[in-house]
PDB file of N, CA and C in Angstrom:
ATOM      1  N   UNK A   1      91.874 113.006 100.248  1.00  0.00           N
ATOM      2  CA  UNK A   1      92.218 112.822 101.504  1.00  0.00           C
ATOM      3  C   UNK A   1      93.599 112.425 101.805  1.00  0.00           C
ATOM      4  N   UNK A   2      94.184 113.125 102.602  1.00  0.00           N
ATOM      5  CA  UNK A   2      95.636 112.988 102.875  1.00  0.00           C
ATOM      6  C   UNK A   2      95.827 112.303 104.363  1.00  0.00           C
ATOM      7  N   UNK A   3      96.474 111.168 104.469  1.00  0.00           N
ATOM      8  CA  UNK A   3      96.730 110.573 105.682  1.00  0.00           C
ATOM      9  C   UNK A   3      98.070 111.067 106.379  1.00  0.00           C
ATOM     10  N   UNK A   4      98.057 111.546 107.482  1.00  0.00           N
ATOM     11  CA  UNK A   4      99.221 111.856 108.282  1.00  0.00           C
ATOM     12  C   UNK A   4      99.613 111.102 109.412  1.00  0.00           C
ATOM     13  N   UNK A   5      98.414 110.190 109.947  1.00  0.00           N
ATOM     14  CA  UNK A   5      98.532 109.314 111.181  1.00  0.00           C
ATOM     15  C   UNK A   5      97.826 108.333 110.703  1.00  0.00           C
ATOM     16  N   UNK A   6      98.272 107.139 110.555  1.00  0.00           N
ATOM     17  CA  UNK A   6      97.766 105.987 110.211  1.00  0.00           C
ATOM     18  C   UNK A   6      96.979 105.125 111.398  1.00  0.00           C
ATOM     19  N   UNK A   7      96.974 105.814 112.544  1.00  0.00           N
ATOM     20  CA  UNK A   7      96.259 105.108 113.843  1.00  0.00           C
ATOM     21  C   UNK A   7      94.796 104.906 113.336  1.00  0.00           C
ATOM     22  N   UNK A   8      94.246 105.782 112.721  1.00  0.00           N
ATOM     23  CA  UNK A   8      92.726 105.409 112.311  1.00  0.00           C
ATOM     24  C   UNK A   8      92.594 106.266 111.300  1.00  0.00           C
ATOM     25  N   UNK A   9      91.482 105.851 110.406  1.00  0.00           N
ATOM     26  CA  UNK A   9      91.064 106.427 109.221  1.00  0.00           C
ATOM     27  C   UNK A   9      89.714 106.413 108.914  1.00  0.00           C
ATOM     28  N   UNK A  10      88.983 107.549 108.891  1.00  0.00           N
ATOM     29  CA  UNK A  10      87.583 107.351 108.582  1.00  0.00           C
ATOM     30  C   UNK A  10      87.179 108.394 107.675  1.00  0.00           C
ATOM     31  N   UNK A  11      86.288 107.845 106.851  1.00  0.00           N
ATOM     32  CA  UNK A  11      85.752 108.812 105.931  1.00  0.00           C
ATOM     33  C   UNK A  11      84.372 109.035 106.161  1.00  0.00           C
ATOM     34  N   UNK A  12      84.026 110.349 106.067  1.00  0.00           N
ATOM     35  CA  UNK A  12      82.506 110.896 106.410  1.00  0.00           C
ATOM     36  C   UNK A  12      81.493 110.007 105.635  1.00  0.00           C
ATOM     37  N   UNK A  13      81.821 109.850 104.417  1.00  0.00           N
ATOM     38  CA  UNK A  13      80.723 109.030 103.576  1.00  0.00           C
ATOM     39  C   UNK A  13      80.939 107.566 103.478  1.00  0.00           C
ATOM     40  N   UNK A  14      82.189 106.910 103.614  1.00  0.00           N
ATOM     41  CA  UNK A  14      82.429 105.642 103.459  1.00  0.00           C
ATOM     42  C   UNK A  14      82.503 104.752 104.773  1.00  0.00           C
ATOM     43  N   UNK A  15      82.636 105.498 105.805  1.00  0.00           N
ATOM     44  CA  UNK A  15      82.783 104.634 107.160  1.00  0.00           C
ATOM     45  C   UNK A  15      84.214 104.321 107.301  1.00  0.00           C
ATOM     46  N   UNK A  16      84.619 103.315 107.798  1.00  0.00           N
ATOM     47  CA  UNK A  16      85.976 102.884 108.264  1.00  0.00           C
ATOM     48  C   UNK A  16      86.641 102.238 106.957  1.00  0.00           C
ATOM     49  N   UNK A  17      88.030 102.809 106.823  1.00  0.00           N
ATOM     50  CA  UNK A  17      88.910 102.138 105.618  1.00  0.00           C
ATOM     51  C   UNK A  17      89.990 101.532 106.303  1.00  0.00           C
ATOM     52  N   UNK A  18      90.209 100.195 105.988  1.00  0.00           N
ATOM     53  CA  UNK A  18      91.198  99.385 106.670  1.00  0.00           C
ATOM     54  C   UNK A  18      92.572 100.187 106.209  1.00  0.00           C
ATOM     55  N   UNK A  19      93.265 100.521 107.395  1.00  0.00           N
ATOM     56  CA  UNK A  19      94.741 100.997 107.250  1.00  0.00           C
ATOM     57  C   UNK A  19      95.659 100.275 106.326  1.00  0.00           C
ATOM     58  N   UNK A  20      95.662  99.038 106.177  1.00  0.00           N
ATOM     59  CA  UNK A  20      96.427  98.329 105.006  1.00  0.00           C
ATOM     60  C   UNK A  20      96.205  98.618 103.797  1.00  0.00           C
ATOM     61  N   UNK A  21      95.016  99.428 103.382  1.00  0.00           N
ATOM     62  CA  UNK A  21      94.732  99.894 102.040  1.00  0.00           C
ATOM     63  C   UNK A  21      95.517 101.224 101.702  1.00  0.00           C
ATOM     64  N   UNK A  22      96.053 102.081 102.830  1.00  0.00           N
ATOM     65  CA  UNK A  22      96.766 103.120 102.639  1.00  0.00           C
ATOM     66  C   UNK A  22      97.975 103.096 102.123  1.00  0.00           C
ATOM     67  N   UNK A  23      98.267 103.685 101.293  1.00  0.00           N
ATOM     68  CA  UNK A  23      99.912 103.519 100.784  1.00  0.00           C
ATOM     69  C   UNK A  23     100.741 103.948 101.844  1.00  0.00           C
ATOM     70  N   UNK A  24     101.889 103.129 101.949  1.00  0.00           N
ATOM     71  CA  UNK A  24     102.907 103.647 102.856  1.00  0.00           C
ATOM     72  C   UNK A  24     103.960 104.507 102.243  1.00  0.00           C
ATOM     73  N   UNK A  25     104.749 105.160 103.052  1.00  0.00           N
ATOM     74  CA  UNK A  25     105.594 106.129 102.616  1.00  0.00           C
ATOM     75  C   UNK A  25     106.603 105.479 101.600  1.00  0.00           C
ATOM     76  N   UNK A  26     106.829 106.090 100.487  1.00  0.00           N
ATOM     77  CA  UNK A  26     108.097 105.603  99.580  1.00  0.00           C
ATOM     78  C   UNK A  26     109.432 106.224 100.142  1.00  0.00           C
ATOM     79  N   UNK A  27     110.550 105.618  99.692  1.00  0.00           N
ATOM     80  CA  UNK A  27     111.813 106.044  99.977  1.00  0.00           C
ATOM     81  C   UNK A  27     112.232 106.883  98.965  1.00  0.00           C
ATOM     82  N   UNK A  28     112.546 108.165  99.272  1.00  0.00           N
ATOM     83  CA  UNK A  28     113.242 108.951  98.073  1.00  0.00           C
ATOM     84  C   UNK A  28     114.679 108.754  98.070  1.00  0.00           C
ATOM     85  N   UNK A  29     115.103 108.748  96.669  1.00  0.00           N
ATOM     86  CA  UNK A  29     116.675 108.569  96.527  1.00  0.00           C
ATOM     87  C   UNK A  29     117.173 109.959  96.277  1.00  0.00           C
ATOM     88  N   UNK A  30     118.431 109.888  95.729  1.00  0.00           N
ATOM     89  CA  UNK A  30     119.365 111.202  95.660  1.00  0.00           C
ATOM     90  C   UNK A  30     118.748 111.789  94.314  1.00  0.00           C
ATOM     91  N   UNK A  31     118.324 113.093  94.703  1.00  0.00           N
ATOM     92  CA  UNK A  31     117.675 113.898  93.717  1.00  0.00           C
ATOM     93  C   UNK A  31     118.961 114.698  92.980  1.00  0.00           C
ATOM     94  N   UNK A  32     118.593 114.698  91.645  1.00  0.00           N
ATOM     95  CA  UNK A  32     119.617 115.405  90.715  1.00  0.00           C
ATOM     96  C   UNK A  32     118.998 116.341  89.846  1.00  0.00           C
ATOM     97  N   UNK A  33     119.639 117.590  89.488  1.00  0.00           N
ATOM     98  CA  UNK A  33     119.339 118.598  88.440  1.00  0.00           C
ATOM     99  C   UNK A  33     119.928 118.108  87.309  1.00  0.00           C
ATOM    100  N   UNK A  34     119.209 117.597  86.245  1.00  0.00           N
ATOM    101  CA  UNK A  34     119.726 117.310  84.909  1.00  0.00           C
ATOM    102  C   UNK A  34     120.100 118.466  84.150  1.00  0.00           C
ATOM    103  N   UNK A  35     119.490 119.764  84.162  1.00  0.00           N
ATOM    104  CA  UNK A  35     119.941 120.955  83.663  1.00  0.00           C
ATOM    105  C   UNK A  35     119.178 122.121  84.413  1.00  0.00           C
ATOM    106  N   UNK A  36     119.153 123.269  83.804  1.00  0.00           N
ATOM    107  CA  UNK A  36     118.559 124.270  84.626  1.00  0.00           C
ATOM    108  C   UNK A  36     117.195 124.240  84.884  1.00  0.00           C
ATOM    109  N   UNK A  37     116.439 123.457  83.980  1.00  0.00           N
ATOM    110  CA  UNK A  37     114.855 123.357  84.243  1.00  0.00           C
ATOM    111  C   UNK A  37     114.381 122.088  84.721  1.00  0.00           C
ATOM    112  N   UNK A  38     115.116 121.200  84.768  1.00  0.00           N
ATOM    113  CA  UNK A  38     114.671 119.687  84.987  1.00  0.00           C
ATOM    114  C   UNK A  38     115.400 118.986  86.346  1.00  0.00           C
ATOM    115  N   UNK A  39     114.711 118.472  87.129  1.00  0.00           N
ATOM    116  CA  UNK A  39     115.045 117.718  88.124  1.00  0.00           C
ATOM    117  C   UNK A  39     114.530 116.242  88.188  1.00  0.00           C
ATOM    118  N   UNK A  40     115.431 115.403  88.583  1.00  0.00           N
ATOM    119  CA  UNK A  40     115.027 113.931  88.514  1.00  0.00           C
ATOM    120  C   UNK A  40     114.965 113.472  90.012  1.00  0.00           C
ATOM    121  N   UNK A  41     113.803 112.738  90.453  1.00  0.00           N
ATOM    122  CA  UNK A  41     113.520 112.423  91.732  1.00  0.00           C
ATOM    123  C   UNK A  41     113.334 110.838  91.785  1.00  0.00           C
ATOM    124  N   UNK A  42     114.334 110.229  91.960  1.00  0.00           N
ATOM    125  CA  UNK A  42     114.131 108.638  92.105  1.00  0.00           C
ATOM    126  C   UNK A  42     113.504 108.276  93.470  1.00  0.00           C
ATOM    127  N   UNK A  43     112.833 107.097  93.460  1.00  0.00           N
ATOM    128  CA  UNK A  43     112.303 106.687  94.712  1.00  0.00           C
ATOM    129  C   UNK A  43     112.096 105.173  94.686  1.00  0.00           C
ATOM    130  N   UNK A  44     111.815 104.521  95.859  1.00  0.00           N
ATOM    131  CA  UNK A  44     111.658 103.141  95.879  1.00  0.00           C
ATOM    132  C   UNK A  44     110.261 103.081  96.605  1.00  0.00           C
ATOM    133  N   UNK A  45     109.340 102.339  96.034  1.00  0.00           N
ATOM    134  CA  UNK A  45     107.946 102.167  96.457  1.00  0.00           C
ATOM    135  C   UNK A  45     108.157 101.525  97.799  1.00  0.00           C
ATOM    136  N   UNK A  46     107.174 101.698  98.874  1.00  0.00           N
ATOM    137  CA  UNK A  46     106.951 100.896 100.119  1.00  0.00           C
ATOM    138  C   UNK A  46     106.573  99.353  99.754  1.00  0.00           C
ATOM    139  N   UNK A  47     107.100  98.422 100.453  1.00  0.00           N
ATOM    140  CA  UNK A  47     106.637  97.098 100.270  1.00  0.00           C
ATOM    141  C   UNK A  47     105.398  96.822 100.976  1.00  0.00           C
ATOM    142  N   UNK A  48     104.908  97.626 101.907  1.00  0.00           N
ATOM    143  CA  UNK A  48     103.857  97.547 102.811  1.00  0.00           C
ATOM    144  C   UNK A  48     102.854  98.406 102.504  1.00  0.00           C
ATOM    145  N   UNK A  49     101.454  98.186 103.120  1.00  0.00           N
ATOM    146  CA  UNK A  49     100.505  99.014 102.787  1.00  0.00           C
ATOM    147  C   UNK A  49      99.809  98.863 101.316  1.00  0.00           C
ATOM    148  N   UNK A  50      98.760  99.806 101.024  1.00  0.00           N
ATOM    149  CA  UNK A  50      98.140  99.647  99.883  1.00  0.00           C
ATOM    150  C   UNK A  50      98.957  99.947  98.617  1.00  0.00           C
ATOM    151  N   UNK A  51      98.649  99.462  97.480  1.00  0.00           N
ATOM    152  CA  UNK A  51      99.431  99.525  96.393  1.00  0.00           C
ATOM    153  C   UNK A  51      99.014 100.885  95.672  1.00  0.00           C
ATOM    154  N   UNK A  52     100.063 101.870  95.550  1.00  0.00           N
ATOM    155  CA  UNK A  52      99.693 103.184  94.956  1.00  0.00           C
ATOM    156  C   UNK A  52      99.488 102.978  93.425  1.00  0.00           C
ATOM    157  N   UNK A  53      98.658 103.832  92.903  1.00  0.00           N
ATOM    158  CA  UNK A  53      98.278 103.882  91.544  1.00  0.00           C
ATOM    159  C   UNK A  53      99.124 105.114  90.992  1.00  0.00           C
ATOM    160  N   UNK A  54      99.656 106.104  91.866  1.00  0.00           N
ATOM    161  CA  UNK A  54     100.414 107.151  91.311  1.00  0.00           C
ATOM    162  C   UNK A  54     101.205 107.729  92.360  1.00  0.00           C
ATOM    163  N   UNK A  55     102.136 108.625  92.098  1.00  0.00           N
ATOM    164  CA  UNK A  55     102.950 109.141  93.152  1.00  0.00           C
ATOM    165  C   UNK A  55     103.156 110.773  92.710  1.00  0.00           C
ATOM    166  N   UNK A  56     103.089 111.686  93.730  1.00  0.00           N
ATOM    167  CA  UNK A  56     103.255 112.970  93.527  1.00  0.00           C
ATOM    168  C   UNK A  56     104.414 113.488  94.360  1.00  0.00           C
ATOM    169  N   UNK A  57     105.230 114.370  93.836  1.00  0.00           N
ATOM    170  CA  UNK A  57     106.338 114.830  94.396  1.00  0.00           C
ATOM    171  C   UNK A  57     105.954 116.397  94.420  1.00  0.00           C
ATOM    172  N   UNK A  58     106.404 117.217  95.645  1.00  0.00           N
ATOM    173  CA  UNK A  58     106.213 118.287  95.737  1.00  0.00           C
ATOM    174  C   UNK A  58     107.622 118.938  96.150  1.00  0.00           C
ATOM    175  N   UNK A  59     107.847 120.191  95.578  1.00  0.00           N
ATOM    176  CA  UNK A  59     109.265 120.821  95.957  1.00  0.00           C
ATOM    177  C   UNK A  59     109.082 121.808  97.166  1.00  0.00           C
ATOM    178  N   UNK A  60     109.927 122.158  97.677  1.00  0.00           N
ATOM    179  CA  UNK A  60     110.119 123.265  98.698  1.00  0.00           C
ATOM    180  C   UNK A  60     111.407 124.172  98.384  1.00  0.00           C
ATOM    181  N   UNK A  61     111.328 125.202  98.362  1.00  0.00           N
ATOM    182  CA  UNK A  61     110.293 126.106  98.642  1.00  0.00           C
ATOM    183  C   UNK A  61     109.014 126.508  97.923  1.00  0.00           C
ATOM    184  N   UNK A  62     108.910 126.116  96.568  1.00  0.00           N
ATOM    185  CA  UNK A  62     107.836 126.442  95.898  1.00  0.00           C
ATOM    186  C   UNK A  62     107.036 125.095  95.476  1.00  0.00           C
ATOM    187  N   UNK A  63     105.837 125.161  96.049  1.00  0.00           N
ATOM    188  CA  UNK A  63     104.759 123.775  95.916  1.00  0.00           C
ATOM    189  C   UNK A  63     104.331 123.991  94.635  1.00  0.00           C
ATOM    190  N   UNK A  64     104.518 125.039  93.662  1.00  0.00           N
ATOM    191  CA  UNK A  64     104.086 125.082  92.296  1.00  0.00           C
ATOM    192  C   UNK A  64     105.009 124.014  91.380  1.00  0.00           C
ATOM    193  N   UNK A  65     106.098 123.709  91.856  1.00  0.00           N
ATOM    194  CA  UNK A  65     106.875 122.865  91.133  1.00  0.00           C
ATOM    195  C   UNK A  65     106.778 121.438  91.546  1.00  0.00           C
ATOM    196  N   UNK A  66     105.773 120.856  91.080  1.00  0.00           N
ATOM    197  CA  UNK A  66     105.616 119.247  91.587  1.00  0.00           C
ATOM    198  C   UNK A  66     105.017 118.484  90.327  1.00  0.00           C
ATOM    199  N   UNK A  67     105.102 117.363  90.294  1.00  0.00           N
ATOM    200  CA  UNK A  67     104.698 116.342  89.182  1.00  0.00           C
ATOM    201  C   UNK A  67     103.983 115.182  89.692  1.00  0.00           C
ATOM    202  N   UNK A  68     103.413 114.238  88.923  1.00  0.00           N
ATOM    203  CA  UNK A  68     102.927 113.110  89.408  1.00  0.00           C
ATOM    204  C   UNK A  68     103.252 112.101  88.337  1.00  0.00           C
ATOM    205  N   UNK A  69     103.144 110.731  88.670  1.00  0.00           N
ATOM    206  CA  UNK A  69     103.539 109.643  87.698  1.00  0.00           C
ATOM    207  C   UNK A  69     103.407 108.409  88.411  1.00  0.00           C
ATOM    208  N   UNK A  70     103.745 107.304  87.664  1.00  0.00           N
ATOM    209  CA  UNK A  70     103.351 106.028  88.166  1.00  0.00           C
ATOM    210  C   UNK A  70     104.636 105.309  88.393  1.00  0.00           C
ATOM    211  N   UNK A  71     105.784 105.759  87.949  1.00  0.00           N
ATOM    212  CA  UNK A  71     106.990 104.904  88.404  1.00  0.00           C
ATOM    213  C   UNK A  71     108.083 105.944  88.576  1.00  0.00           C
ATOM    214  N   UNK A  72     109.282 105.508  89.068  1.00  0.00           N
ATOM    215  CA  UNK A  72     110.620 106.169  89.358  1.00  0.00           C
ATOM    216  C   UNK A  72     111.477 106.134  88.136  1.00  0.00           C
ATOM    217  N   UNK A  73     111.945 107.161  88.023  1.00  0.00           N
ATOM    218  CA  UNK A  73     112.051 108.427  88.615  1.00  0.00           C
ATOM    219  C   UNK A  73     110.809 109.454  88.216  1.00  0.00           C
ATOM    220  N   UNK A  74     110.481 110.364  88.954  1.00  0.00           N
ATOM    221  CA  UNK A  74     109.679 111.495  88.629  1.00  0.00           C
ATOM    222  C   UNK A  74     110.339 112.649  88.125  1.00  0.00           C
ATOM    223  N   UNK A  75     109.968 113.250  87.227  1.00  0.00           N
ATOM    224  CA  UNK A  75     110.705 114.505  86.643  1.00  0.00           C
ATOM    225  C   UNK A  75     110.089 115.641  86.768  1.00  0.00           C
ATOM    226  N   UNK A  76     110.621 116.528  87.587  1.00  0.00           N
ATOM    227  CA  UNK A  76     109.764 117.975  87.640  1.00  0.00           C
ATOM    228  C   UNK A  76     110.518 118.903  86.692  1.00  0.00           C
ATOM    229  N   UNK A  77     109.812 119.463  85.891  1.00  0.00           N
ATOM    230  CA  UNK A  77     110.338 120.497  84.814  1.00  0.00           C
ATOM    231  C   UNK A  77     109.536 121.889  85.184  1.00  0.00           C
ATOM    232  N   UNK A  78     110.382 122.896  85.175  1.00  0.00           N
ATOM    233  CA  UNK A  78     109.741 124.272  85.517  1.00  0.00           C
ATOM    234  C   UNK A  78     110.994 125.261  85.679  1.00  0.00           C
ATOM    235  N   UNK A  79     110.474 126.374  86.069  1.00  0.00           N
ATOM    236  CA  UNK A  79     111.249 127.528  86.261  1.00  0.00           C
ATOM    237  C   UNK A  79     111.762 127.558  87.565  1.00  0.00           C
ATOM    238  N   UNK A  80     112.970 127.122  87.942  1.00  0.00           N
ATOM    239  CA  UNK A  80     113.478 127.154  89.233  1.00  0.00           C
ATOM    240  C   UNK A  80     114.205 128.577  89.532  1.00  0.00           C
ATOM    241  N   UNK A  81     114.093 129.044  90.692  1.00  0.00           N
ATOM    242  CA  UNK A  81     114.562 130.446  91.196  1.00  0.00           C
ATOM    243  C   UNK A  81     116.124 130.229  90.980  1.00  0.00           C
ATOM    244  N   UNK A  82     116.736 131.341  90.571  1.00  0.00           N
ATOM    245  CA  UNK A  82     118.175 131.220  90.461  1.00  0.00           C
ATOM    246  C   UNK A  82     118.720 131.327  91.858  1.00  0.00           C
ATOM    247  N   UNK A  83     119.872 130.494  91.947  1.00  0.00           N
ATOM    248  CA  UNK A  83     120.658 130.337  93.308  1.00  0.00           C
ATOM    249  C   UNK A  83     119.720 130.063  94.474  1.00  0.00           C
ATOM    250  N   UNK A  84     118.647 129.138  94.187  1.00  0.00           N
ATOM    251  CA  UNK A  84     118.000 128.525  95.339  1.00  0.00           C
ATOM    252  C   UNK A  84     117.969 127.105  95.272  1.00  0.00           C
ATOM    253  N   UNK A  85     118.235 126.722  96.568  1.00  0.00           N
ATOM    254  CA  UNK A  85     118.293 125.175  96.865  1.00  0.00           C
ATOM    255  C   UNK A  85     116.825 124.489  97.155  1.00  0.00           C
ATOM    256  N   UNK A  86     116.528 123.516  96.509  1.00  0.00           N
ATOM    257  CA  UNK A  86     115.189 123.106  96.432  1.00  0.00           C
ATOM    258  C   UNK A  86     115.397 121.660  97.139  1.00  0.00           C
ATOM    259  N   UNK A  87     114.289 121.097  97.937  1.00  0.00           N
ATOM    260  CA  UNK A  87     114.137 119.738  98.384  1.00  0.00           C
ATOM    261  C   UNK A  87     112.801 119.176  97.835  1.00  0.00           C
ATOM    262  N   UNK A  88     112.628 117.967  97.983  1.00  0.00           N
ATOM    263  CA  UNK A  88     111.426 117.261  97.445  1.00  0.00           C
ATOM    264  C   UNK A  88     110.887 116.336  98.524  1.00  0.00           C
ATOM    265  N   UNK A  89     109.710 116.128  98.450  1.00  0.00           N
ATOM    266  CA  UNK A  89     109.024 115.015  99.049  1.00  0.00           C
ATOM    267  C   UNK A  89     108.143 114.339  98.055  1.00  0.00           C
ATOM    268  N   UNK A  90     107.815 113.089  98.540  1.00  0.00           N
ATOM    269  CA  UNK A  90     107.127 112.267  97.566  1.00  0.00           C
ATOM    270  C   UNK A  90     106.027 111.341  98.470  1.00  0.00           C
ATOM    271  N   UNK A  91     104.808 111.130  97.862  1.00  0.00           N
ATOM    272  CA  UNK A  91     103.761 110.409  98.478  1.00  0.00           C
ATOM    273  C   UNK A  91     103.039 109.501  97.380  1.00  0.00           C
ATOM    274  N   UNK A  92     102.569 108.339  97.703  1.00  0.00           N
ATOM    275  CA  UNK A  92     101.811 107.550  96.987  1.00  0.00           C
ATOM    276  C   UNK A  92     100.244 107.644  97.238  1.00  0.00           C
ATOM    277  N   UNK A  93      99.647 107.587  96.000  1.00  0.00           N
ATOM    278  CA  UNK A  93      98.000 107.680  96.313  1.00  0.00           C
ATOM    279  C   UNK A  93      97.495 106.397  95.532  1.00  0.00           C
ATOM    280  N   UNK A  94      96.400 105.986  96.122  1.00  0.00           N
ATOM    281  CA  UNK A  94      95.547 105.014  95.478  1.00  0.00           C
ATOM    282  C   UNK A  94      94.084 105.387  95.669  1.00  0.00           C
ATOM    283  N   UNK A  95      93.094 104.588  95.316  1.00  0.00           N
ATOM    284  CA  UNK A  95      91.807 105.013  95.301  1.00  0.00           C
ATOM    285  C   UNK A  95      91.125 105.111  96.864  1.00  0.00           C
ATOM    286  N   UNK A  96      92.013 104.724  97.759  1.00  0.00           N
ATOM    287  CA  UNK A  96      91.620 104.841  99.174  1.00  0.00           C
ATOM    288  C   UNK A  96      92.004 106.164  99.808  1.00  0.00           C
ATOM    289  N   UNK A  97      93.322 106.420  99.599  1.00  0.00           N
ATOM    290  CA  UNK A  97      93.943 107.711 100.201  1.00  0.00           C
ATOM    291  C   UNK A  97      95.337 108.096  99.646  1.00  0.00           C
ATOM    292  N   UNK A  98      95.785 109.110 100.083  1.00  0.00           N
ATOM    293  CA  UNK A  98      97.207 109.567  99.848  1.00  0.00           C
ATOM    294  C   UNK A  98      97.880 109.365 101.081  1.00  0.00           C
ATOM    295  N   UNK A  99      98.905 108.650 100.898  1.00  0.00           N
ATOM    296  CA  UNK A  99      99.945 108.372 102.115  1.00  0.00           C
ATOM    297  C   UNK A  99     100.677 109.461 102.788  1.00  0.00           C
ATOM    298  N   UNK A 100     101.425 109.262 103.511  1.00  0.00           N
ATOM    299  CA  UNK A 100     102.177 110.277 104.240  1.00  0.00           C
ATOM    300  C   UNK A 100     103.238 110.582 103.187  1.00  0.00           C
ATOM    301  N   UNK A 101     103.851 111.916 103.275  1.00  0.00           N
ATOM    302  CA  UNK A 101     104.999 112.320 102.469  1.00  0.00           C
ATOM    303  C   UNK A 101     106.239 111.724 103.107  1.00  0.00           C
ATOM    304  N   UNK A 102     107.126 111.461 102.155  1.00  0.00           N
ATOM    305  CA  UNK A 102     108.422 111.087 102.563  1.00  0.00           C
ATOM    306  C   UNK A 102     109.248 112.193 103.003  1.00  0.00           C
ATOM    307  N   UNK A 103     110.365 111.819 103.842  1.00  0.00           N
ATOM    308  CA  UNK A 103     111.139 112.820 104.401  1.00  0.00           C
ATOM    309  C   UNK A 103     111.733 113.569 103.149  1.00  0.00           C
ATOM    310  N   UNK A 104     112.240 114.696 103.404  1.00  0.00           N
ATOM    311  CA  UNK A 104     112.754 115.579 102.396  1.00  0.00           C
ATOM    312  C   UNK A 104     114.055 115.118 101.882  1.00  0.00           C
ATOM    313  N   UNK A 105     114.167 115.315 100.612  1.00  0.00           N
ATOM    314  CA  UNK A 105     115.188 114.623  99.781  1.00  0.00           C
ATOM    315  C   UNK A 105     116.615 115.643 100.133  1.00  0.00           C
ATOM    316  N   UNK A 106     117.740 115.378  99.632  1.00  0.00           N
ATOM    317  CA  UNK A 106     118.891 116.084  99.505  1.00  0.00           C
ATOM    318  C   UNK A 106     118.421 117.506  98.748  1.00  0.00           C
ATOM    319  N   UNK A 107     119.169 118.490  99.008  1.00  0.00           N
ATOM    320  CA  UNK A 107     119.035 119.733  98.253  1.00  0.00           C
ATOM    321  C   UNK A 107     119.615 119.812  96.996  1.00  0.00           C
ATOM    322  N   UNK A 108     118.950 120.484  96.097  1.00  0.00           N
ATOM    323  CA  UNK A 108     119.605 120.634  94.718  1.00  0.00           C
ATOM    324  C   UNK A 108     119.318 121.967  94.176  1.00  0.00           C
ATOM    325  N   UNK A 109     120.478 122.611  93.536  1.00  0.00           N
ATOM    326  CA  UNK A 109     120.163 123.773  93.262  1.00  0.00           C
ATOM    327  C   UNK A 109     120.483 123.907  91.467  1.00  0.00           C
ATOM    328  N   UNK A 110     119.462 123.943  90.975  1.00  0.00           N
ATOM    329  CA  UNK A 110     119.565 124.121  89.354  1.00  0.00           C
ATOM    330  C   UNK A 110     120.205 125.480  89.051  1.00  0.00           C
ATOM    331  N   UNK A 111     121.226 125.482  88.097  1.00  0.00           N
ATOM    332  CA  UNK A 111     121.881 126.657  87.864  1.00  0.00           C
ATOM    333  C   UNK A 111     121.783 126.977  86.398  1.00  0.00           C
ATOM    334  N   UNK A 112     121.612 128.166  86.196  1.00  0.00           N
ATOM    335  CA  UNK A 112     121.474 128.615  84.621  1.00  0.00           C
ATOM    336  C   UNK A 112     122.688 128.324  83.873  1.00  0.00           C
ATOM    337  N   UNK A 113     123.856 128.356  84.463  1.00  0.00           N
ATOM    338  CA  UNK A 113     125.210 128.006  83.755  1.00  0.00           C
ATOM    339  C   UNK A 113     125.531 126.678  83.860  1.00  0.00           C
ATOM    340  N   UNK A 114     125.423 126.027  85.041  1.00  0.00           N
ATOM    341  CA  UNK A 114     125.701 124.705  85.252  1.00  0.00           C
ATOM    342  C   UNK A 114     125.006 124.042  86.072  1.00  0.00           C
ATOM    343  N   UNK A 115     125.049 122.821  86.291  1.00  0.00           N
ATOM    344  CA  UNK A 115     124.186 121.996  87.321  1.00  0.00           C
ATOM    345  C   UNK A 115     125.253 121.733  88.415  1.00  0.00           C
ATOM    346  N   UNK A 116     124.666 122.009  89.634  1.00  0.00           N
ATOM    347  CA  UNK A 116     125.533 121.612  90.810  1.00  0.00           C
ATOM    348  C   UNK A 116     124.589 121.187  91.824  1.00  0.00           C
ATOM    349  N   UNK A 117     125.040 120.200  92.632  1.00  0.00           N
ATOM    350  CA  UNK A 117     124.329 119.563  93.638  1.00  0.00           C
ATOM    351  C   UNK A 117     125.002 120.295  95.096  1.00  0.00           C
ATOM    352  N   UNK A 118     124.025 120.323  96.066  1.00  0.00           N
ATOM    353  CA  UNK A 118     124.489 120.765  97.273  1.00  0.00           C
ATOM    354  C   UNK A 118     124.749 119.736  98.151  1.00  0.00           C
TER     355      UNK A 118
END
């Protein structure tokens, strides 16, 4: 279950879920490409809401470049398209729900010859 609006949350099987149990949105830091196949996504956990047990980051334009982990930074490793700028979002998850995605990060363009940031 993904939460996009924390005004109300109902589960068909479990009834009402307290909103305070849903992880709040983490704050994404400055994303960097460490080489042509690896991007580092730092973040700061929210101080309110439910405590996340994991975080998931998703890239744009390719949702197949994502990763999960329990602490900052998250590292995405994969085949990035040449000369393509990527941004990333991150969300926290616990046993209650997945919180809202963060705002998009800065864009980063992993380069086969060198690493450069946009």
